[in-house]
Amino acid sequence: DLHHKVYNNQEFLSVMKQNKNWYEKYRWFFTSSGKLVIGGKSAEQNEEVVKNHISRIDLVMHTAQPGSPFSIIKTEKRETEDADLNETVIFTASFSRAWRQGKKHAQIHIFKPEQIMKEKSQKQGTFLVLGRVQKATAELKLVLTMQKDRLRAVPETAAEEVFCIIKPGKNSKEKAAETISKILQKENLKFSREEILNALPAGKFKIQEI
């Protein structure tokens, strides 16, 4: 016999949270065209994503300044659209040191996997990028949404539903998490403090409710 259980909103989220995908240990989001983007949360993870999770058809980004994830657009042999590039540029900028420094914009370098080189003397998580890079400037601005049943901070055009807008500001991350928790409760969504903090960049925040 087949037994179907009906979950309410909160029960469903609770069940889904227990099933983790491989990419969830990193920074990640899905672009508006459905491409997975991953980036390292630390020097160790940057080393890992560059060495283990890039194929030659992917695209890679990093801020012009140190202190950024190496963000990888997993193209899966599909053409990279302008929206994929723009969204990943914003993602890379927002999860870089620039947010913690309270900057409004950051410059991003875009390059191919074959341009990346590692010298023995380089410390963990750092690489050389050879040849020409494409440059883009991004505003540090994300929205909170749900992707794959997870709370995510993503570029606005990648979100189907927006709970609030976040930018670098003056509120601590802990204070921001409290405010976000109240906003989510209005949507009948309950996330732990840890889940909210995990979705956010490092630094301080200005939160704009929709």
Protein backbone atom coordinates (compact mmCIF):
# COMPACT_ATOMS: atom_id res chain seq x y z
CA ASP A 1 0.00 0.00 0.00
CA LEU A 2 1.05 3.56 -0.71
CA HIS A 3 0.70 5.97 2.16
CA HIS A 4 0.86 9.68 1.35
CA LYS A 5 1.69 12.15 4.09
CA VAL A 6 0.57 15.75 3.68
CA TYR A 7 3.05 18.25 5.10
CA ASN A 8 2.35 21.82 6.02
CA ASN A 9 4.81 24.53 4.89
CA GLN A 10 7.07 24.24 7.91
CA GLU A 11 7.11 20.42 8.05
CA PHE A 12 7.98 20.26 4.35
CA LEU A 13 10.93 22.61 4.83
CA SER A 14 12.10 20.61 7.82
CA VAL A 15 12.12 17.37 5.80
CA MET A 16 13.89 19.00 2.85
CA LYS A 17 16.60 20.53 5.05
CA GLN A 18 17.74 17.04 6.01
CA ASN A 19 18.63 16.16 2.39
CA LYS A 20 21.81 18.04 1.50
CA ASN A 21 23.26 18.38 -1.98
CA TRP A 22 27.04 18.28 -2.61
CA TYR A 23 27.25 21.99 -3.44
CA GLU A 24 25.67 23.14 -0.18
CA LYS A 25 28.99 23.15 1.67
CA TYR A 26 29.98 26.14 -0.53
CA ARG A 27 28.47 29.49 -1.37
CA TRP A 28 25.90 28.72 -4.05
CA PHE A 29 22.84 29.86 -5.97
CA PHE A 30 21.04 29.11 -9.22
CA THR A 31 20.91 31.75 -11.95
CA SER A 32 17.64 32.80 -13.57
CA SER A 33 18.37 30.35 -16.41
CA GLY A 34 18.90 27.52 -13.91
CA LYS A 35 22.71 27.25 -13.90
CA LEU A 36 24.42 26.34 -10.64
CA VAL A 37 27.03 28.81 -9.36
CA ILE A 38 29.38 27.79 -6.54
CA GLY A 39 32.09 29.73 -4.70
CA GLY A 40 34.45 29.08 -1.82
CA LYS A 41 33.62 30.35 1.68
CA SER A 42 37.32 30.29 2.67
CA ALA A 43 40.82 29.98 1.21
CA GLU A 44 40.59 26.22 1.75
CA GLN A 45 37.29 26.02 -0.12
CA ASN A 46 38.56 28.25 -2.94
CA GLU A 47 41.40 25.77 -3.40
CA GLU A 48 38.87 22.94 -3.42
CA VAL A 49 36.41 24.42 -5.94
CA VAL A 50 39.18 25.40 -8.37
CA LYS A 51 40.94 22.03 -8.19
CA ASN A 52 37.93 19.72 -7.97
CA HIS A 53 34.84 21.41 -9.40
CA ILE A 54 35.81 23.23 -12.60
CA SER A 55 35.41 21.75 -16.04
CA ARG A 56 36.94 23.48 -19.07
CA ILE A 57 33.53 24.67 -20.32
CA ASP A 58 32.77 26.60 -17.13
CA LEU A 59 33.37 30.30 -16.43
CA VAL A 60 35.20 31.64 -13.37
CA MET A 61 35.09 34.98 -11.53
CA HIS A 62 36.96 36.71 -8.71
CA THR A 63 37.10 40.30 -7.49
CA ALA A 64 39.95 42.48 -8.76
CA GLN A 65 41.03 42.80 -5.11
CA PRO A 66 41.93 39.92 -2.76
CA GLY A 67 39.27 38.41 -0.50
CA SER A 68 36.63 36.86 -2.73
CA PRO A 69 35.16 33.52 -3.63
CA PHE A 70 36.32 31.94 -6.86
CA SER A 71 32.82 31.74 -8.36
CA ILE A 72 32.20 29.08 -10.97
CA ILE A 73 29.26 29.03 -13.37
CA LYS A 74 28.57 25.36 -14.03
CA THR A 75 27.51 25.69 -17.67
CA GLU A 76 26.67 21.99 -18.21
CA LYS A 77 27.47 22.57 -21.92
CA ARG A 78 24.74 25.20 -22.17
CA GLU A 79 25.43 28.67 -23.54
CA THR A 80 26.17 31.26 -20.86
CA GLU A 81 23.62 34.05 -21.08
CA ASP A 82 24.14 37.71 -20.15
CA ALA A 83 21.89 37.18 -17.12
CA ASP A 84 24.13 34.32 -15.90
CA LEU A 85 27.16 36.60 -16.12
CA ASN A 86 25.50 39.62 -14.52
CA GLU A 87 24.05 37.60 -11.65
CA THR A 88 27.35 35.85 -10.93
CA VAL A 89 29.19 39.18 -11.01
CA ILE A 90 26.81 40.53 -8.31
CA PHE A 91 27.09 37.30 -6.30
CA THR A 92 30.92 37.38 -6.40
CA ALA A 93 31.07 41.05 -5.41
CA SER A 94 28.55 40.64 -2.60
CA PHE A 95 30.27 37.67 -0.97
CA SER A 96 33.69 39.32 -1.19
CA ARG A 97 35.61 41.38 1.37
CA ALA A 98 34.08 44.50 -0.23
CA TRP A 99 30.81 43.89 1.70
CA ARG A 100 32.65 43.69 5.02
CA GLN A 101 34.43 46.92 4.09
CA GLY A 102 31.06 48.62 3.54
CA LYS A 103 31.70 49.36 -0.13
CA LYS A 104 28.84 49.92 -2.55
CA HIS A 105 30.55 48.49 -5.65
CA ALA A 106 33.33 46.07 -6.54
CA GLN A 107 35.17 45.23 -9.74
CA ILE A 108 35.08 41.63 -10.94
CA HIS A 109 37.42 39.73 -13.27
CA ILE A 110 35.87 37.05 -15.51
CA PHE A 111 38.08 34.36 -17.05
CA LYS A 112 38.28 30.78 -18.31
CA PRO A 113 39.51 27.73 -16.38
CA GLU A 114 42.58 27.31 -18.62
CA GLN A 115 43.79 30.78 -17.55
CA ILE A 116 44.20 29.65 -13.93
CA MET A 117 47.66 28.61 -12.78
CA LYS A 118 49.09 27.67 -9.40
CA GLU A 119 52.70 28.29 -8.40
CA LYS A 120 54.25 26.20 -5.63
CA SER A 121 55.04 29.29 -3.57
CA GLN A 122 51.41 30.50 -3.57
CA LYS A 123 49.42 30.03 -0.40
CA GLN A 124 46.20 28.07 -0.19
CA GLY A 125 43.26 29.55 -2.07
CA THR A 126 45.35 31.86 -4.25
CA PHE A 127 46.02 31.43 -7.97
CA LEU A 128 47.52 33.29 -10.91
CA VAL A 129 45.24 34.26 -13.77
CA LEU A 130 47.09 34.40 -17.09
CA GLY A 131 46.15 36.52 -20.08
CA ARG A 132 43.31 38.93 -20.57
CA VAL A 133 40.29 39.04 -18.30
CA GLN A 134 36.87 40.50 -18.88
CA LYS A 135 36.06 43.20 -16.32
CA ALA A 136 32.72 44.15 -14.80
CA THR A 137 31.56 46.35 -11.93
CA ALA A 138 28.75 45.24 -9.63
CA GLU A 139 26.61 46.91 -7.01
CA LEU A 140 26.67 45.03 -3.70
CA LYS A 141 23.00 44.19 -3.35
CA LEU A 142 21.21 40.87 -2.77
CA VAL A 143 17.69 39.70 -2.02
CA LEU A 144 16.55 36.93 0.28
CA THR A 145 14.57 34.20 -1.41
CA MET A 146 14.04 30.44 -1.50
CA GLN A 147 16.04 28.25 -3.89
CA LYS A 148 15.86 24.46 -3.77
CA ASP A 149 13.92 24.78 -0.47
CA ARG A 150 16.81 26.69 1.13
CA LEU A 151 17.03 30.29 2.27
CA ARG A 152 19.42 32.07 -0.09
CA ALA A 153 20.80 35.58 -0.59
CA VAL A 154 20.95 35.99 -4.38
CA PRO A 155 20.98 38.69 -7.09
CA GLU A 156 17.46 40.07 -7.54
CA THR A 157 16.96 38.80 -11.11
CA ALA A 158 17.71 35.22 -9.94
CA ALA A 159 14.86 35.27 -7.38
CA GLU A 160 11.30 34.21 -8.14
CA GLU A 161 10.05 35.52 -4.80
CA VAL A 162 11.71 38.31 -2.79
CA PHE A 163 11.36 38.56 1.01
CA CYS A 164 13.67 41.55 1.52
CA ILE A 165 16.60 43.44 -0.02
CA ILE A 166 19.97 43.51 1.72
CA LYS A 167 22.89 45.89 1.20
CA PRO A 168 26.02 46.81 3.16
CA GLY A 169 24.93 48.98 6.09
CA LYS A 170 25.32 49.64 9.81
CA ASN A 171 23.44 46.75 11.45
CA SER A 172 25.46 43.79 12.73
CA LYS A 173 24.93 40.39 11.16
CA GLU A 174 23.21 39.15 14.34
CA LYS A 175 20.84 42.15 14.39
CA ALA A 176 20.14 41.64 10.69
CA ALA A 177 19.31 37.97 11.34
CA GLU A 178 16.74 39.00 13.98
CA THR A 179 15.08 41.44 11.56
CA ILE A 180 15.09 38.86 8.74
CA SER A 181 13.59 36.22 11.04
CA LYS A 182 10.61 38.53 11.74
CA ILE A 183 10.15 39.24 8.03
CA LEU A 184 10.17 35.51 7.23
CA GLN A 185 7.67 34.76 10.00
CA LYS A 186 5.19 37.01 8.18
CA GLU A 187 5.53 34.56 5.27
CA ASN A 188 4.96 31.64 7.66
CA LEU A 189 8.59 30.62 7.23
CA LYS A 190 10.68 29.75 10.25
CA PHE A 191 14.44 29.38 9.92
CA SER A 192 17.00 28.97 12.67
CA ARG A 193 19.40 31.80 13.44
CA GLU A 194 22.19 29.62 12.05
CA GLU A 195 20.39 29.10 8.72
CA ILE A 196 19.80 32.83 8.31
CA LEU A 197 23.39 33.74 9.23
CA ASN A 198 24.69 31.07 6.86
CA ALA A 199 22.82 32.64 3.92
CA LEU A 200 24.32 36.10 4.47
CA PRO A 201 27.65 37.68 3.46
CA ALA A 202 30.16 38.69 6.16
CA GLY A 203 29.78 42.26 7.36
CA LYS A 204 27.05 44.71 8.32
CA PHE A 205 23.65 45.24 6.77
CA LYS A 206 20.89 47.55 5.66
CA ILE A 207 17.62 45.66 5.23
CA GLN A 208 14.76 46.88 3.08
CA GLU A 209 11.47 45.09 3.49
CA ILE A 210 9.38 44.63 0.35
